């Protein structure tokens, strides 16, 4: 595995962990609307990353 591949794999793992943390936060949210806002934030961030 090249250094560039290792870097890319690390970025992907970081993204996965960020999504997991947001999921946990959403599951702990006090209301469904707050959970939905957290989840929508994940979707828009992932989409922006893929577009860029």
N, C-alpha and C. Protein backbone atom coordinates (compact mmCIF):
# COMPACT_ATOMS: atom_id res chain seq x y z
N UNK A 1 0.86 -1.17 0.00
CA UNK A 1 0.00 0.00 0.00
C UNK A 1 0.90 1.24 0.00
N UNK A 2 0.64 2.14 -0.92
CA UNK A 2 1.45 3.36 -1.00
C UNK A 2 1.02 4.35 0.08
N UNK A 3 1.85 5.35 0.27
CA UNK A 3 1.54 6.38 1.27
C UNK A 3 0.25 7.10 0.89
N UNK A 4 0.08 7.37 -0.38
CA UNK A 4 -1.14 8.05 -0.84
C UNK A 4 -2.38 7.21 -0.54
N UNK A 5 -2.30 5.91 -0.73
CA UNK A 5 -3.41 5.02 -0.42
C UNK A 5 -3.69 4.97 1.07
N UNK A 6 -2.65 5.00 1.87
CA UNK A 6 -2.82 5.02 3.33
C UNK A 6 -3.51 6.30 3.77
N UNK A 7 -3.12 7.42 3.17
CA UNK A 7 -3.74 8.70 3.50
C UNK A 7 -5.21 8.67 3.13
N UNK A 8 -5.53 8.18 1.95
CA UNK A 8 -6.92 8.11 1.50
C UNK A 8 -7.73 7.20 2.41
N UNK A 9 -7.18 6.07 2.80
CA UNK A 9 -7.87 5.15 3.70
C UNK A 9 -8.11 5.81 5.06
N UNK A 10 -7.14 6.59 5.53
CA UNK A 10 -7.31 7.28 6.82
C UNK A 10 -8.42 8.31 6.73
N UNK A 11 -8.48 9.07 5.62
CA UNK A 11 -9.55 10.05 5.44
C UNK A 11 -10.92 9.37 5.42
N UNK A 12 -11.01 8.24 4.75
CA UNK A 12 -12.27 7.51 4.70
C UNK A 12 -12.68 7.02 6.09
N UNK A 13 -11.72 6.56 6.86
CA UNK A 13 -12.02 6.08 8.22
C UNK A 13 -12.46 7.24 9.11
N UNK A 14 -11.81 8.39 8.98
CA UNK A 14 -12.20 9.57 9.74
C UNK A 14 -13.64 9.94 9.42
N UNK A 15 -13.99 9.92 8.15
CA UNK A 15 -15.35 10.24 7.73
C UNK A 15 -16.35 9.25 8.33
N UNK A 16 -16.01 7.98 8.32
CA UNK A 16 -16.89 6.97 8.89
C UNK A 16 -17.09 7.20 10.39
N UNK A 17 -16.03 7.55 11.08
CA UNK A 17 -16.13 7.80 12.52
C UNK A 17 -16.96 9.05 12.81
N UNK A 18 -16.82 10.09 11.98
CA UNK A 18 -17.62 11.29 12.17
C UNK A 18 -19.10 10.98 11.98
N UNK A 19 -19.42 10.17 10.99
CA UNK A 19 -20.81 9.78 10.76
C UNK A 19 -21.33 8.99 11.96
N UNK A 20 -20.52 8.09 12.48
CA UNK A 20 -20.93 7.30 13.64
C UNK A 20 -21.21 8.19 14.85
N UNK A 21 -20.34 9.17 15.10
CA UNK A 21 -20.54 10.08 16.23
C UNK A 21 -21.83 10.87 16.04
N UNK A 22 -22.10 11.35 14.83
CA UNK A 22 -23.34 12.10 14.58
C UNK A 22 -24.56 11.21 14.76
N UNK A 23 -24.44 9.96 14.37
CA UNK A 23 -25.55 9.02 14.57
C UNK A 23 -25.83 8.86 16.06
N UNK A 24 -24.78 8.70 16.85
CA UNK A 24 -24.97 8.57 18.30
C UNK A 24 -25.59 9.83 18.88
N UNK A 25 -25.15 10.98 18.41
CA UNK A 25 -25.72 12.24 18.90
C UNK A 25 -27.20 12.32 18.53
N UNK A 26 -27.53 11.92 17.31
CA UNK A 26 -28.93 11.97 16.88
C UNK A 26 -29.79 11.03 17.72
N UNK A 27 -29.23 9.88 18.06
CA UNK A 27 -30.01 8.93 18.86
C UNK A 27 -30.21 9.43 20.30
N UNK A 28 -29.37 10.35 20.74
CA UNK A 28 -29.48 10.92 22.07
C UNK A 28 -30.25 12.24 22.07
N UNK A 29 -30.65 12.72 20.91
CA UNK A 29 -31.32 14.02 20.80
C UNK A 29 -32.63 14.01 21.57
N UNK A 30 -32.98 15.17 22.09
CA UNK A 30 -34.18 15.27 22.92
C UNK A 30 -35.47 15.28 22.09
N UNK A 31 -35.35 15.55 20.80
CA UNK A 31 -36.55 15.54 19.97
C UNK A 31 -36.22 14.99 18.59
N UNK A 32 -37.25 14.56 17.88
CA UNK A 32 -37.06 14.02 16.55
C UNK A 32 -36.58 15.08 15.58
N UNK A 33 -37.03 16.32 15.75
CA UNK A 33 -36.61 17.38 14.83
C UNK A 33 -35.12 17.68 14.96
N UNK A 34 -34.60 17.63 16.18
CA UNK A 34 -33.16 17.85 16.38
C UNK A 34 -32.37 16.69 15.77
N UNK A 35 -32.85 15.48 15.97
CA UNK A 35 -32.19 14.31 15.38
C UNK A 35 -32.18 14.42 13.86
N UNK A 36 -33.28 14.84 13.28
CA UNK A 36 -33.36 14.98 11.84
C UNK A 36 -32.38 16.04 11.34
N UNK A 37 -32.26 17.15 12.07
CA UNK A 37 -31.30 18.18 11.68
C UNK A 37 -29.88 17.65 11.72
N UNK A 38 -29.55 16.87 12.73
CA UNK A 38 -28.22 16.27 12.82
C UNK A 38 -27.96 15.34 11.64
N UNK A 39 -28.95 14.51 11.35
CA UNK A 39 -28.81 13.56 10.25
C UNK A 39 -28.71 14.30 8.91
N UNK A 40 -29.51 15.31 8.70
CA UNK A 40 -29.45 16.07 7.46
C UNK A 40 -28.10 16.75 7.30
N UNK A 41 -27.51 17.18 8.40
CA UNK A 41 -26.17 17.76 8.35
C UNK A 41 -25.16 16.77 7.83
N UNK A 42 -25.28 15.52 8.23
CA UNK A 42 -24.38 14.48 7.75
C UNK A 42 -24.56 14.29 6.26
N UNK A 43 -25.79 14.24 5.81
CA UNK A 43 -26.06 14.02 4.39
C UNK A 43 -25.48 15.16 3.56
N UNK A 44 -25.71 16.39 3.95
CA UNK A 44 -25.23 17.51 3.15
C UNK A 44 -23.71 17.59 3.17
N UNK A 45 -23.06 17.27 4.31
CA UNK A 45 -21.60 17.29 4.37
C UNK A 45 -21.02 16.21 3.48
N UNK A 46 -21.60 15.02 3.50
CA UNK A 46 -21.12 13.93 2.65
C UNK A 46 -21.28 14.30 1.18
N UNK A 47 -22.39 14.90 0.83
CA UNK A 47 -22.64 15.28 -0.56
C UNK A 47 -21.64 16.34 -1.00
N UNK A 48 -21.39 17.35 -0.15
CA UNK A 48 -20.45 18.40 -0.49
C UNK A 48 -19.04 17.84 -0.66
N UNK A 49 -18.68 16.86 0.14
CA UNK A 49 -17.36 16.23 0.03
C UNK A 49 -17.23 15.51 -1.30
N UNK A 50 -18.27 14.78 -1.68
CA UNK A 50 -18.22 14.02 -2.94
C UNK A 50 -18.20 14.95 -4.14
N UNK A 51 -18.90 16.08 -4.08
CA UNK A 51 -18.93 17.01 -5.20
C UNK A 51 -17.57 17.68 -5.38
N UNK A 52 -16.94 18.02 -4.27
CA UNK A 52 -15.63 18.70 -4.31
C UNK A 52 -14.56 17.75 -4.73
